[in-house]
């Protein structure tokens, strides 16, 4: 069974008296454990699709099932609970909490979403710090970290609650070439170790080159789908 299935999926926003279509009747499916990229120019609908998959926005029409749940039918509270239980997010500007250390940023979702014991939280944070090769930076705040290090913390934080799915919106946009490549390699490693599905919205050819499945969008429409064998 596919992890994500979309059928006739559309999203239209209202700007004053004008309807602005962002996604127009797309159909796709994504298997568990895949590394997927949504690509296309600005305004093509990439981020809107990620927001709908991540239960941050609701479809205007069509069906969207994530983990066999019709997420378009969830209300606000149910959407938040579903995100907390199943989905991690990686943002291009990192979105780390500046007053917290790297370890505390990774731990934060466990405090907010899941009632884990202190011992279990600390063990999980230590595991992730090692997994993203940043254990020596555990006590540093974001302003003491490089861009690549911040994104490693962001990836670890996204994986803290052991989500089935991680959504990454332009995750390498603010990184230099070497840091971006290390982040892509890290995400593939996390997929292989934890079985996590990664979906990217990106312009970055480095990510596109590593993706196993590519969905090309233009004006809110899916114009091409390319799959690669793992």
N, C-alpha and C. Protein backbone atom coordinates (compact mmCIF):
# COMPACT_ATOMS: atom_id res chain seq x y z
N UNK A 1 0.84 -1.19 0.00
CA UNK A 1 0.00 0.00 0.00
C UNK A 1 0.87 1.25 0.00
N UNK A 2 0.49 2.25 -0.79
CA UNK A 2 1.25 3.49 -0.86
C UNK A 2 1.15 4.25 0.46
N UNK A 3 2.22 4.96 0.80
CA UNK A 3 2.19 5.80 1.99
C UNK A 3 1.31 7.02 1.78
N UNK A 4 1.35 7.56 0.55
CA UNK A 4 0.57 8.75 0.19
C UNK A 4 -0.12 8.50 -1.13
N UNK A 5 -1.41 8.85 -1.21
CA UNK A 5 -2.16 8.73 -2.45
C UNK A 5 -3.00 9.98 -2.65
N UNK A 6 -2.82 10.62 -3.80
CA UNK A 6 -3.59 11.82 -4.14
C UNK A 6 -4.38 11.55 -5.42
N UNK A 7 -5.63 11.98 -5.42
CA UNK A 7 -6.49 11.81 -6.59
C UNK A 7 -7.29 13.09 -6.81
N UNK A 8 -7.11 13.69 -7.99
CA UNK A 8 -7.83 14.92 -8.31
C UNK A 8 -7.59 16.03 -7.31
N UNK A 9 -6.38 16.08 -6.74
CA UNK A 9 -6.08 17.00 -5.64
C UNK A 9 -5.92 18.43 -6.15
N UNK A 10 -6.69 19.34 -5.56
CA UNK A 10 -6.65 20.75 -5.95
C UNK A 10 -6.65 21.63 -4.71
N UNK A 11 -6.03 22.81 -4.88
CA UNK A 11 -6.07 23.82 -3.83
C UNK A 11 -6.21 25.19 -4.47
N UNK A 12 -7.25 25.92 -4.06
CA UNK A 12 -7.50 27.27 -4.55
C UNK A 12 -7.57 28.22 -3.38
N UNK A 13 -6.84 29.32 -3.48
CA UNK A 13 -6.86 30.35 -2.45
C UNK A 13 -7.73 31.51 -2.91
N UNK A 14 -8.25 32.23 -1.95
CA UNK A 14 -9.07 33.40 -2.24
C UNK A 14 -8.27 34.65 -1.97
N UNK A 15 -8.08 35.51 -2.98
CA UNK A 15 -7.39 36.78 -2.84
C UNK A 15 -8.38 37.89 -3.17
N UNK A 16 -9.01 38.44 -2.15
CA UNK A 16 -10.07 39.41 -2.38
C UNK A 16 -11.26 38.74 -3.04
N UNK A 17 -11.60 39.19 -4.23
CA UNK A 17 -12.72 38.59 -4.98
C UNK A 17 -12.24 37.60 -6.03
N UNK A 18 -10.96 37.28 -6.00
CA UNK A 18 -10.38 36.45 -7.07
C UNK A 18 -9.96 35.10 -6.50
N UNK A 19 -10.30 34.02 -7.21
CA UNK A 19 -9.82 32.68 -6.87
C UNK A 19 -8.46 32.46 -7.53
N UNK A 20 -7.50 32.02 -6.73
CA UNK A 20 -6.14 31.78 -7.25
C UNK A 20 -5.83 30.30 -7.10
N UNK A 21 -5.84 29.55 -8.21
CA UNK A 21 -5.52 28.11 -8.12
C UNK A 21 -4.03 27.89 -7.90
N UNK A 22 -3.70 27.11 -6.88
CA UNK A 22 -2.29 26.81 -6.59
C UNK A 22 -1.93 25.40 -7.03
N UNK A 23 -2.86 24.46 -6.88
CA UNK A 23 -2.69 23.07 -7.33
C UNK A 23 -3.95 22.69 -8.08
N UNK A 24 -3.79 22.05 -9.25
CA UNK A 24 -4.91 21.81 -10.14
C UNK A 24 -5.04 20.33 -10.49
N UNK A 25 -5.81 19.61 -9.74
CA UNK A 25 -6.21 18.26 -10.10
C UNK A 25 -5.09 17.26 -10.31
N UNK A 26 -4.16 17.19 -9.38
CA UNK A 26 -3.01 16.28 -9.55
C UNK A 26 -3.31 14.90 -8.96
N UNK A 27 -2.71 13.90 -9.56
CA UNK A 27 -2.80 12.51 -9.10
C UNK A 27 -1.39 11.97 -8.93
N UNK A 28 -1.12 11.35 -7.79
CA UNK A 28 0.18 10.71 -7.60
C UNK A 28 0.11 9.77 -6.41
N UNK A 29 1.08 8.89 -6.32
CA UNK A 29 1.23 8.03 -5.14
C UNK A 29 2.71 7.93 -4.81
N UNK A 30 3.00 7.78 -3.51
CA UNK A 30 4.38 7.70 -3.02
C UNK A 30 4.47 6.52 -2.07
N UNK A 31 5.44 5.66 -2.31
CA UNK A 31 5.62 4.48 -1.48
C UNK A 31 6.41 4.79 -0.22
N UNK A 32 6.25 3.94 0.78
CA UNK A 32 6.99 4.08 2.02
C UNK A 32 8.48 3.89 1.77
N UNK A 33 9.30 4.71 2.45
CA UNK A 33 10.75 4.60 2.33
C UNK A 33 11.33 5.23 1.09
N UNK A 34 10.54 6.02 0.37
CA UNK A 34 11.02 6.65 -0.86
C UNK A 34 11.75 7.96 -0.55
N UNK A 35 12.55 8.39 -1.51
CA UNK A 35 13.21 9.69 -1.48
C UNK A 35 12.69 10.45 -2.70
N UNK A 36 11.81 11.43 -2.46
CA UNK A 36 11.01 12.04 -3.53
C UNK A 36 11.26 13.53 -3.59
N UNK A 37 11.30 14.08 -4.81
CA UNK A 37 11.44 15.53 -5.00
C UNK A 37 10.28 16.07 -5.82
N UNK A 38 9.66 17.14 -5.33
CA UNK A 38 8.74 17.95 -6.12
C UNK A 38 9.55 19.13 -6.66
N UNK A 39 9.59 19.28 -7.98
CA UNK A 39 10.39 20.35 -8.57
C UNK A 39 9.51 21.21 -9.47
N UNK A 40 10.02 22.41 -9.77
CA UNK A 40 9.29 23.33 -10.63
C UNK A 40 9.61 24.75 -10.24
N UNK A 41 9.28 25.71 -11.10
CA UNK A 41 9.57 27.12 -10.80
C UNK A 41 8.76 27.62 -9.62
N UNK A 42 9.14 28.79 -9.11
CA UNK A 42 8.38 29.42 -8.03
C UNK A 42 6.93 29.60 -8.47
N UNK A 43 5.99 29.30 -7.58
CA UNK A 43 4.58 29.41 -7.91
C UNK A 43 4.00 28.21 -8.62
N UNK A 44 4.79 27.13 -8.73
CA UNK A 44 4.30 25.95 -9.45
C UNK A 44 3.42 25.05 -8.59
N UNK A 45 3.40 25.27 -7.27
CA UNK A 45 2.56 24.47 -6.39
C UNK A 45 3.31 23.52 -5.48
N UNK A 46 4.65 23.56 -5.50
CA UNK A 46 5.45 22.62 -4.71
C UNK A 46 5.17 22.75 -3.22
N UNK A 47 5.32 23.96 -2.71
CA UNK A 47 5.14 24.17 -1.27
C UNK A 47 3.70 23.92 -0.84
N UNK A 48 2.75 24.27 -1.71
CA UNK A 48 1.34 24.01 -1.39
C UNK A 48 1.09 22.51 -1.24
N UNK A 49 1.68 21.71 -2.11
CA UNK A 49 1.53 20.26 -2.00
C UNK A 49 2.12 19.75 -0.69
N UNK A 50 3.32 20.23 -0.34
CA UNK A 50 3.91 19.81 0.93
C UNK A 50 3.04 20.21 2.11
N UNK A 51 2.47 21.41 2.05
CA UNK A 51 1.62 21.86 3.15
C UNK A 51 0.37 21.00 3.29
N UNK A 52 -0.18 20.55 2.18
CA UNK A 52 -1.36 19.68 2.26
C UNK A 52 -0.97 18.30 2.77
N UNK A 53 0.13 17.75 2.29
CA UNK A 53 0.58 16.44 2.78
C UNK A 53 0.89 16.52 4.27
N UNK A 54 1.45 17.65 4.71
CA UNK A 54 1.81 17.82 6.11
C UNK A 54 0.68 18.29 6.99
N UNK A 55 -0.54 18.34 6.46
CA UNK A 55 -1.73 18.74 7.24
C UNK A 55 -1.62 20.17 7.76
N UNK A 56 -0.88 21.01 7.05
CA UNK A 56 -0.82 22.43 7.37
C UNK A 56 -1.86 23.21 6.56
N UNK A 57 -2.39 22.59 5.53
CA UNK A 57 -3.42 23.20 4.68
C UNK A 57 -4.34 22.09 4.20
N UNK A 58 -5.59 22.45 3.90
CA UNK A 58 -6.57 21.44 3.49
C UNK A 58 -6.86 21.57 1.99
N UNK A 59 -7.05 20.45 1.31
CA UNK A 59 -7.40 20.51 -0.11
C UNK A 59 -8.74 21.21 -0.33
N UNK A 60 -8.85 21.86 -1.48
CA UNK A 60 -10.14 22.43 -1.87
C UNK A 60 -11.01 21.37 -2.54
N UNK A 61 -10.37 20.46 -3.27
CA UNK A 61 -11.07 19.38 -3.94
C UNK A 61 -10.16 18.16 -4.02
N UNK A 62 -10.77 17.02 -4.28
CA UNK A 62 -10.01 15.80 -4.46
C UNK A 62 -9.74 15.08 -3.16
N UNK A 63 -8.97 14.01 -3.28
CA UNK A 63 -8.68 13.15 -2.14
C UNK A 63 -7.19 13.10 -1.88
N UNK A 64 -6.82 13.15 -0.60
CA UNK A 64 -5.42 13.00 -0.20
C UNK A 64 -5.36 12.10 1.01
N UNK A 65 -4.77 10.93 0.84
CA UNK A 65 -4.63 9.97 1.92
C UNK A 65 -3.15 9.85 2.29
N UNK A 66 -2.87 10.00 3.56
CA UNK A 66 -1.52 9.86 4.10
C UNK A 66 -1.60 8.82 5.21
N UNK A 67 -0.80 7.76 5.09
CA UNK A 67 -0.84 6.67 6.06
C UNK A 67 -2.27 6.15 6.22
N UNK A 68 -2.95 6.02 5.09
CA UNK A 68 -4.31 5.49 5.03
C UNK A 68 -5.33 6.35 5.78
N UNK A 69 -5.00 7.62 5.98
CA UNK A 69 -5.92 8.56 6.61
C UNK A 69 -6.28 9.65 5.60
N UNK A 70 -7.57 9.93 5.46
CA UNK A 70 -8.02 11.00 4.58
C UNK A 70 -7.77 12.32 5.31
N UNK A 71 -6.59 12.91 5.09
CA UNK A 71 -6.19 14.08 5.87
C UNK A 71 -7.01 15.32 5.54
N UNK A 72 -7.64 15.33 4.38
CA UNK A 72 -8.49 16.46 4.02
C UNK A 72 -9.72 16.58 4.88
N UNK A 73 -10.07 15.52 5.59
CA UNK A 73 -11.26 15.53 6.44
C UNK A 73 -10.94 15.81 7.91
N UNK A 74 -9.66 15.97 8.24
CA UNK A 74 -9.30 16.21 9.63
C UNK A 74 -9.55 17.67 10.01
N UNK A 75 -10.07 17.88 11.21
CA UNK A 75 -10.21 19.25 11.70
C UNK A 75 -8.87 19.73 12.25
N UNK A 76 -8.82 20.96 12.74
CA UNK A 76 -7.55 21.54 13.18
C UNK A 76 -6.86 20.74 14.25
N UNK A 77 -7.59 20.33 15.27
CA UNK A 77 -6.98 19.58 16.37
C UNK A 77 -6.51 18.21 15.90
N UNK A 78 -7.32 17.54 15.09
CA UNK A 78 -6.94 16.22 14.59
C UNK A 78 -5.74 16.32 13.65
N UNK A 79 -5.68 17.40 12.85
CA UNK A 79 -4.53 17.60 11.97
C UNK A 79 -3.25 17.77 12.78
N UNK A 80 -3.31 18.56 13.86
CA UNK A 80 -2.14 18.77 14.70
C UNK A 80 -1.68 17.47 15.34
N UNK A 81 -2.63 16.67 15.80
CA UNK A 81 -2.30 15.39 16.42
C UNK A 81 -1.66 14.45 15.40
N UNK A 82 -2.19 14.45 14.19
CA UNK A 82 -1.66 13.58 13.13
C UNK A 82 -0.24 14.00 12.77
N UNK A 83 0.00 15.31 12.63
CA UNK A 83 1.36 15.80 12.35
C UNK A 83 2.32 15.37 13.45
N UNK A 84 1.91 15.58 14.70
CA UNK A 84 2.79 15.25 15.80
C UNK A 84 3.15 13.79 15.88
N UNK A 85 2.22 12.93 15.48
CA UNK A 85 2.44 11.49 15.59
C UNK A 85 3.22 10.92 14.41
N UNK A 86 3.10 11.54 13.22
CA UNK A 86 3.58 10.86 12.02
C UNK A 86 4.51 11.65 11.11
N UNK A 87 4.63 12.97 11.28
CA UNK A 87 5.31 13.80 10.29
C UNK A 87 6.35 14.69 10.94
N UNK A 88 7.55 14.74 10.34
CA UNK A 88 8.58 15.68 10.73
C UNK A 88 8.79 16.71 9.63
N UNK A 89 9.32 17.87 10.00
CA UNK A 89 9.52 18.96 9.05
C UNK A 89 10.95 19.48 9.13
N UNK A 90 11.51 19.76 7.94
CA UNK A 90 12.82 20.41 7.85
C UNK A 90 12.64 21.67 7.00
N UNK A 91 13.04 22.83 7.54
CA UNK A 91 12.80 24.10 6.87
C UNK A 91 14.10 24.68 6.33
N UNK A 92 14.00 25.49 5.25
CA UNK A 92 15.20 26.04 4.64
C UNK A 92 15.91 27.03 5.55
N UNK A 93 15.17 27.70 6.46
CA UNK A 93 15.81 28.64 7.38
C UNK A 93 15.98 28.02 8.76
N UNK A 94 15.92 26.69 8.84
CA UNK A 94 16.23 25.87 10.02
C UNK A 94 15.15 25.93 11.10
N UNK A 95 14.65 27.14 11.44
CA UNK A 95 13.60 27.29 12.47
C UNK A 95 13.99 26.68 13.82
N UNK A 96 15.26 26.78 14.16
CA UNK A 96 15.69 26.33 15.48
C UNK A 96 15.35 27.40 16.52
N UNK A 97 15.12 26.98 17.75
CA UNK A 97 14.84 27.92 18.83
C UNK A 97 16.15 28.49 19.34
N UNK A 98 16.36 29.81 19.24
CA UNK A 98 17.69 30.39 19.50
C UNK A 98 18.17 30.26 20.94
N UNK A 99 17.26 30.14 21.89
CA UNK A 99 17.67 30.08 23.30
C UNK A 99 17.98 28.67 23.76
N UNK A 100 17.74 27.68 22.90
CA UNK A 100 17.98 26.29 23.26
C UNK A 100 19.27 25.78 22.62
N UNK A 101 19.91 24.85 23.27
CA UNK A 101 21.09 24.20 22.69
C UNK A 101 20.66 23.25 21.58
N UNK A 102 21.65 22.73 20.86
CA UNK A 102 21.37 21.76 19.81
C UNK A 102 20.59 20.57 20.37
N UNK A 103 21.06 20.03 21.50
CA UNK A 103 20.38 18.88 22.12
C UNK A 103 18.97 19.23 22.54
N UNK A 104 18.79 20.43 23.10
CA UNK A 104 17.47 20.84 23.56
C UNK A 104 16.51 21.06 22.39
N UNK A 105 17.02 21.57 21.26
CA UNK A 105 16.18 21.72 20.07
C UNK A 105 15.69 20.36 19.58
N UNK A 106 16.56 19.36 19.61
CA UNK A 106 16.17 18.02 19.18
C UNK A 106 15.15 17.41 20.15
N UNK A 107 15.33 17.70 21.42
CA UNK A 107 14.45 17.14 22.44
C UNK A 107 13.07 17.80 22.44
N UNK A 108 12.98 19.02 21.98
CA UNK A 108 11.76 19.81 22.12
C UNK A 108 10.50 19.11 21.60
N UNK A 109 10.52 18.49 20.40
CA UNK A 109 9.29 17.80 19.95
C UNK A 109 8.85 16.68 20.89
N UNK A 110 9.80 16.04 21.55
CA UNK A 110 9.45 14.97 22.48
C UNK A 110 8.73 15.52 23.70
N UNK A 111 9.08 16.73 24.09
CA UNK A 111 8.40 17.37 25.22
C UNK A 111 7.00 17.82 24.85
N UNK A 112 6.85 18.29 23.59
CA UNK A 112 5.58 18.87 23.16
C UNK A 112 4.57 17.84 22.70
N UNK A 113 5.05 16.75 22.12
CA UNK A 113 4.15 15.83 21.44
C UNK A 113 3.98 14.51 22.17
N UNK A 114 5.06 13.94 22.65
CA UNK A 114 5.01 12.61 23.23
C UNK A 114 5.49 12.64 24.68
N UNK A 115 4.80 11.96 25.54
CA UNK A 115 5.14 11.93 26.96
C UNK A 115 6.16 10.81 27.23
N UNK A 116 7.40 11.12 26.91
CA UNK A 116 8.47 10.17 27.14
C UNK A 116 9.13 10.47 28.49
N UNK A 117 9.70 9.46 29.12
CA UNK A 117 10.45 9.67 30.35
C UNK A 117 11.73 10.46 30.03
N UNK A 118 12.30 11.07 31.06
CA UNK A 118 13.55 11.83 30.87
C UNK A 118 14.64 10.93 30.31
N UNK A 119 14.74 9.73 30.84
CA UNK A 119 15.79 8.80 30.40
C UNK A 119 15.62 8.44 28.93
N UNK A 120 14.39 8.18 28.54
CA UNK A 120 14.15 7.81 27.14
C UNK A 120 14.41 8.99 26.21
N UNK A 121 14.01 10.19 26.62
CA UNK A 121 14.26 11.38 25.80
C UNK A 121 15.77 11.58 25.61
N UNK A 122 16.52 11.48 26.70
CA UNK A 122 17.96 11.72 26.61
C UNK A 122 18.64 10.67 25.73
N UNK A 123 18.18 9.44 25.83
CA UNK A 123 18.76 8.39 24.99
C UNK A 123 18.46 8.63 23.52
N UNK A 124 17.24 9.08 23.22
CA UNK A 124 16.86 9.36 21.84
C UNK A 124 17.67 10.54 21.28
N UNK A 125 17.82 11.59 22.07
CA UNK A 125 18.59 12.75 21.63
C UNK A 125 20.04 12.35 21.39
N UNK A 126 20.63 11.57 22.29
CA UNK A 126 22.01 11.13 22.12
C UNK A 126 22.17 10.28 20.86
N UNK A 127 21.19 9.42 20.60
CA UNK A 127 21.22 8.59 19.39
C UNK A 127 21.21 9.44 18.14
N UNK A 128 20.37 10.47 18.12
CA UNK A 128 20.25 11.31 16.93
C UNK A 128 21.46 12.23 16.76
N UNK A 129 22.00 12.73 17.86
CA UNK A 129 23.21 13.54 17.76
C UNK A 129 24.36 12.75 17.13
N UNK A 130 24.47 11.49 17.51
CA UNK A 130 25.49 10.62 16.91
C UNK A 130 25.15 10.34 15.46
N UNK A 131 23.87 10.10 15.17
CA UNK A 131 23.46 9.74 13.81
C UNK A 131 23.77 10.84 12.81
N UNK A 132 23.63 12.11 13.24
CA UNK A 132 23.90 13.22 12.33
C UNK A 132 25.30 13.80 12.53
N UNK A 133 26.13 13.08 13.30
CA UNK A 133 27.55 13.43 13.49
C UNK A 133 27.74 14.84 14.04
N UNK A 134 26.98 15.16 15.09
CA UNK A 134 27.09 16.49 15.67
C UNK A 134 27.09 16.43 17.20
N UNK A 135 27.44 15.27 17.75
CA UNK A 135 27.40 15.09 19.20
C UNK A 135 28.28 16.09 19.93
N UNK A 136 29.40 16.46 19.31
CA UNK A 136 30.32 17.39 19.97
C UNK A 136 29.77 18.81 20.05
N UNK A 137 28.69 19.07 19.31
CA UNK A 137 28.06 20.40 19.33
C UNK A 137 26.79 20.43 20.17
N UNK A 138 26.56 19.40 20.96
CA UNK A 138 25.28 19.23 21.65
C UNK A 138 24.89 20.41 22.52
N UNK A 139 25.86 21.05 23.16
CA UNK A 139 25.56 22.11 24.12
C UNK A 139 25.60 23.51 23.50
N UNK A 140 25.85 23.60 22.22
CA UNK A 140 25.95 24.91 21.57
C UNK A 140 24.57 25.40 21.10
N UNK A 141 24.35 26.70 21.19
CA UNK A 141 23.13 27.31 20.69
C UNK A 141 23.25 27.53 19.18
N UNK A 142 22.13 27.75 18.49
CA UNK A 142 22.17 27.91 17.03
C UNK A 142 23.13 29.00 16.55
N UNK A 143 23.26 30.12 17.29
CA UNK A 143 24.15 31.19 16.84
C UNK A 143 25.62 30.81 16.94
N UNK A 144 25.90 29.65 17.53
CA UNK A 144 27.28 29.15 17.63
C UNK A 144 27.57 28.04 16.63
N UNK A 145 26.60 27.77 15.75
CA UNK A 145 26.72 26.69 14.77
C UNK A 145 26.79 27.24 13.35
N UNK A 146 27.45 26.50 12.46
CA UNK A 146 27.46 26.85 11.04
C UNK A 146 26.12 26.50 10.42
N UNK A 147 25.89 26.95 9.19
CA UNK A 147 24.64 26.63 8.50
C UNK A 147 24.44 25.13 8.35
N UNK A 148 25.50 24.43 7.97
CA UNK A 148 25.39 22.98 7.81
C UNK A 148 25.09 22.28 9.13
N UNK A 149 25.70 22.76 10.20
CA UNK A 149 25.45 22.17 11.52
C UNK A 149 24.00 22.43 11.96
N UNK A 150 23.51 23.64 11.72
CA UNK A 150 22.12 23.95 12.05
C UNK A 150 21.17 23.02 11.31
N UNK A 151 21.44 22.77 10.02
CA UNK A 151 20.55 21.90 9.27
C UNK A 151 20.64 20.46 9.75
N UNK A 152 21.79 20.03 10.22
CA UNK A 152 21.90 18.70 10.81
C UNK A 152 21.04 18.58 12.06
N UNK A 153 21.08 19.64 12.88
CA UNK A 153 20.21 19.65 14.06
C UNK A 153 18.75 19.62 13.63
N UNK A 154 18.41 20.38 12.58
CA UNK A 154 17.03 20.40 12.10
C UNK A 154 16.58 19.02 11.61
N UNK A 155 17.47 18.30 10.94
CA UNK A 155 17.14 16.96 10.48
C UNK A 155 16.93 16.03 11.68
N UNK A 156 17.82 16.12 12.65
CA UNK A 156 17.68 15.29 13.86
C UNK A 156 16.37 15.61 14.58
N UNK A 157 16.05 16.88 14.69
CA UNK A 157 14.79 17.28 15.34
C UNK A 157 13.59 16.70 14.59
N UNK A 158 13.63 16.73 13.27
CA UNK A 158 12.52 16.20 12.47
C UNK A 158 12.32 14.71 12.71
N UNK A 159 13.41 14.01 13.06
CA UNK A 159 13.35 12.56 13.27
C UNK A 159 13.10 12.18 14.73
N UNK A 160 13.02 13.17 15.62
CA UNK A 160 12.99 12.88 17.05
C UNK A 160 11.84 11.98 17.45
N UNK A 161 10.66 12.22 16.91
CA UNK A 161 9.48 11.45 17.31
C UNK A 161 9.30 10.17 16.49
N UNK A 162 10.34 9.81 15.71
CA UNK A 162 10.31 8.61 14.88
C UNK A 162 9.15 8.65 13.87
N UNK A 163 9.05 9.75 13.10
CA UNK A 163 7.95 9.87 12.15
C UNK A 163 8.13 8.93 10.96
N UNK A 164 7.04 8.56 10.35
CA UNK A 164 7.09 7.77 9.12
C UNK A 164 7.48 8.63 7.92
N UNK A 165 7.24 9.95 8.03
CA UNK A 165 7.38 10.85 6.89
C UNK A 165 8.07 12.13 7.33
N UNK A 166 9.05 12.60 6.54
CA UNK A 166 9.67 13.90 6.76
C UNK A 166 9.50 14.74 5.50
N UNK A 167 9.00 15.97 5.69
CA UNK A 167 8.80 16.92 4.60
C UNK A 167 9.85 18.02 4.71
N UNK A 168 10.55 18.29 3.61
CA UNK A 168 11.64 19.26 3.62
C UNK A 168 11.42 20.28 2.51
N UNK A 169 11.17 21.54 2.90
CA UNK A 169 10.90 22.61 1.94
C UNK A 169 12.19 23.38 1.69
N UNK A 170 12.78 23.18 0.51
CA UNK A 170 14.05 23.81 0.13
C UNK A 170 15.10 23.66 1.24
N UNK A 171 15.42 22.44 1.64
CA UNK A 171 16.28 22.25 2.81
C UNK A 171 17.74 22.65 2.61
N UNK A 172 18.17 22.81 1.36
CA UNK A 172 19.57 23.16 1.12
C UNK A 172 19.73 24.56 0.55
N UNK A 173 18.65 25.35 0.53
CA UNK A 173 18.69 26.66 -0.13
C UNK A 173 19.70 27.61 0.50
N UNK A 174 19.90 27.52 1.81
CA UNK A 174 20.80 28.45 2.51
C UNK A 174 22.16 27.85 2.83
N UNK A 175 22.51 26.75 2.15
CA UNK A 175 23.77 26.07 2.43
C UNK A 175 24.73 26.16 1.26
N UNK A 176 26.03 26.14 1.55
CA UNK A 176 27.02 26.07 0.48
C UNK A 176 27.01 24.66 -0.12
N UNK A 177 27.74 24.49 -1.20
CA UNK A 177 27.69 23.23 -1.96
C UNK A 177 28.07 22.03 -1.10
N UNK A 178 29.17 22.13 -0.36
CA UNK A 178 29.62 20.99 0.44
C UNK A 178 28.64 20.65 1.54
N UNK A 179 28.12 21.68 2.23
CA UNK A 179 27.14 21.44 3.30
C UNK A 179 25.87 20.83 2.74
N UNK A 180 25.43 21.33 1.59
CA UNK A 180 24.21 20.80 0.97
C UNK A 180 24.37 19.33 0.64
N UNK A 181 25.53 18.97 0.07
CA UNK A 181 25.76 17.56 -0.29
C UNK A 181 25.79 16.68 0.94
N UNK A 182 26.39 17.17 2.04
CA UNK A 182 26.43 16.38 3.27
C UNK A 182 25.02 16.18 3.84
N UNK A 183 24.17 17.20 3.73
CA UNK A 183 22.80 17.06 4.22
C UNK A 183 22.03 16.04 3.40
N UNK A 184 22.19 16.07 2.09
CA UNK A 184 21.51 15.09 1.24
C UNK A 184 21.98 13.68 1.59
N UNK A 185 23.30 13.50 1.73
CA UNK A 185 23.85 12.19 2.10
C UNK A 185 23.30 11.75 3.45
N UNK A 186 23.20 12.69 4.38
CA UNK A 186 22.67 12.38 5.71
C UNK A 186 21.22 11.90 5.62
N UNK A 187 20.41 12.58 4.84
CA UNK A 187 19.01 12.20 4.73
C UNK A 187 18.85 10.80 4.12
N UNK A 188 19.68 10.48 3.14
CA UNK A 188 19.64 9.14 2.57
C UNK A 188 20.04 8.10 3.61
N UNK A 189 21.03 8.43 4.42
CA UNK A 189 21.46 7.54 5.50
C UNK A 189 20.32 7.33 6.50
N UNK A 190 19.64 8.41 6.86
CA UNK A 190 18.51 8.31 7.80
C UNK A 190 17.39 7.45 7.21
N UNK A 191 17.15 7.62 5.92
CA UNK A 191 16.13 6.79 5.27
C UNK A 191 16.50 5.32 5.35
N UNK A 192 17.75 5.03 5.06
CA UNK A 192 18.18 3.64 5.07
C UNK A 192 18.16 3.04 6.47
N UNK A 193 18.51 3.84 7.49
CA UNK A 193 18.58 3.33 8.86
C UNK A 193 17.22 3.23 9.53
N UNK A 194 16.37 4.24 9.29
CA UNK A 194 15.11 4.33 10.02
C UNK A 194 13.88 4.04 9.17
N UNK A 195 14.07 3.89 7.85
CA UNK A 195 12.93 3.61 6.97
C UNK A 195 12.02 4.80 6.75
N UNK A 196 12.53 6.01 7.03
CA UNK A 196 11.74 7.23 6.91
C UNK A 196 11.57 7.62 5.43
N UNK A 197 10.39 8.06 5.07
CA UNK A 197 10.14 8.60 3.74
C UNK A 197 10.47 10.09 3.75
N UNK A 198 11.27 10.54 2.79
CA UNK A 198 11.62 11.96 2.68
C UNK A 198 11.01 12.53 1.40
N UNK A 199 10.32 13.66 1.53
CA UNK A 199 9.76 14.36 0.38
C UNK A 199 10.29 15.79 0.41
N UNK A 200 10.88 16.22 -0.71
CA UNK A 200 11.48 17.54 -0.81
C UNK A 200 10.69 18.42 -1.78
N UNK A 201 10.59 19.69 -1.47
CA UNK A 201 10.27 20.72 -2.44
C UNK A 201 11.57 21.45 -2.70
N UNK A 202 12.01 21.50 -3.97
CA UNK A 202 13.37 21.99 -4.19
C UNK A 202 13.57 22.55 -5.60
N UNK A 203 14.54 23.47 -5.68
CA UNK A 203 15.12 23.91 -6.95
C UNK A 203 16.53 23.35 -7.12
N UNK A 204 17.04 22.68 -6.10
CA UNK A 204 18.45 22.31 -6.03
C UNK A 204 18.74 21.09 -6.89
N UNK A 205 19.57 21.23 -7.92
CA UNK A 205 19.87 20.07 -8.77
C UNK A 205 20.58 18.94 -8.03
N UNK A 206 21.24 19.27 -6.92
CA UNK A 206 21.91 18.21 -6.15
C UNK A 206 20.87 17.26 -5.55
N UNK A 207 19.78 17.81 -5.02
CA UNK A 207 18.73 16.96 -4.48
C UNK A 207 18.03 16.21 -5.59
N UNK A 208 17.74 16.91 -6.68
CA UNK A 208 17.06 16.27 -7.80
C UNK A 208 17.88 15.08 -8.30
N UNK A 209 19.19 15.24 -8.32
CA UNK A 209 20.05 14.16 -8.79
C UNK A 209 20.05 12.95 -7.89
N UNK A 210 19.75 13.13 -6.61
CA UNK A 210 19.74 12.03 -5.65
C UNK A 210 18.35 11.44 -5.45
N UNK A 211 17.30 12.13 -5.87
CA UNK A 211 15.93 11.65 -5.65
C UNK A 211 15.66 10.39 -6.46
N UNK A 212 14.86 9.52 -5.89
CA UNK A 212 14.50 8.27 -6.57
C UNK A 212 13.22 8.42 -7.37
N UNK A 213 12.47 9.45 -7.05
CA UNK A 213 11.26 9.75 -7.81
C UNK A 213 11.11 11.26 -7.87
N UNK A 214 10.77 11.77 -9.06
CA UNK A 214 10.69 13.21 -9.28
C UNK A 214 9.34 13.56 -9.87
N UNK A 215 8.67 14.52 -9.26
CA UNK A 215 7.41 15.05 -9.77
C UNK A 215 7.64 16.48 -10.22
N UNK A 216 7.48 16.73 -11.52
CA UNK A 216 7.68 18.07 -12.07
C UNK A 216 6.34 18.79 -12.15
N UNK A 217 6.31 20.01 -11.61
CA UNK A 217 5.08 20.80 -11.55
C UNK A 217 5.24 22.10 -12.33
N UNK A 218 4.13 22.54 -12.91
CA UNK A 218 4.10 23.83 -13.60
C UNK A 218 2.68 24.36 -13.52
N UNK A 219 2.55 25.59 -13.01
CA UNK A 219 1.24 26.23 -12.87
C UNK A 219 0.25 25.34 -12.12
N UNK A 220 0.74 24.64 -11.10
CA UNK A 220 -0.13 23.83 -10.28
C UNK A 220 -0.50 22.48 -10.85
N UNK A 221 0.06 22.15 -12.01
CA UNK A 221 -0.25 20.87 -12.65
C UNK A 221 0.97 19.97 -12.64
N UNK A 222 0.73 18.68 -12.52
CA UNK A 222 1.81 17.70 -12.62
C UNK A 222 2.06 17.43 -14.09
N UNK A 223 3.24 17.85 -14.58
CA UNK A 223 3.51 17.73 -16.00
C UNK A 223 4.38 16.53 -16.34
N UNK A 224 5.09 16.00 -15.34
CA UNK A 224 5.93 14.82 -15.59
C UNK A 224 6.26 14.13 -14.30
N UNK A 225 6.32 12.82 -14.37
CA UNK A 225 6.74 12.01 -13.21
C UNK A 225 7.83 11.06 -13.66
N UNK A 226 8.93 11.07 -12.96
CA UNK A 226 10.07 10.20 -13.29
C UNK A 226 10.40 9.36 -12.08
N UNK A 227 10.48 8.07 -12.27
CA UNK A 227 10.82 7.17 -11.18
C UNK A 227 12.15 6.51 -11.44
N UNK A 228 12.87 6.26 -10.37
CA UNK A 228 14.15 5.56 -10.47
C UNK A 228 14.13 4.37 -9.53
N UNK A 229 14.86 3.35 -9.89
CA UNK A 229 14.93 2.15 -9.08
C UNK A 229 16.00 2.30 -8.02
N UNK A 230 15.67 2.00 -6.77
CA UNK A 230 16.66 2.07 -5.69
C UNK A 230 17.68 0.95 -5.83
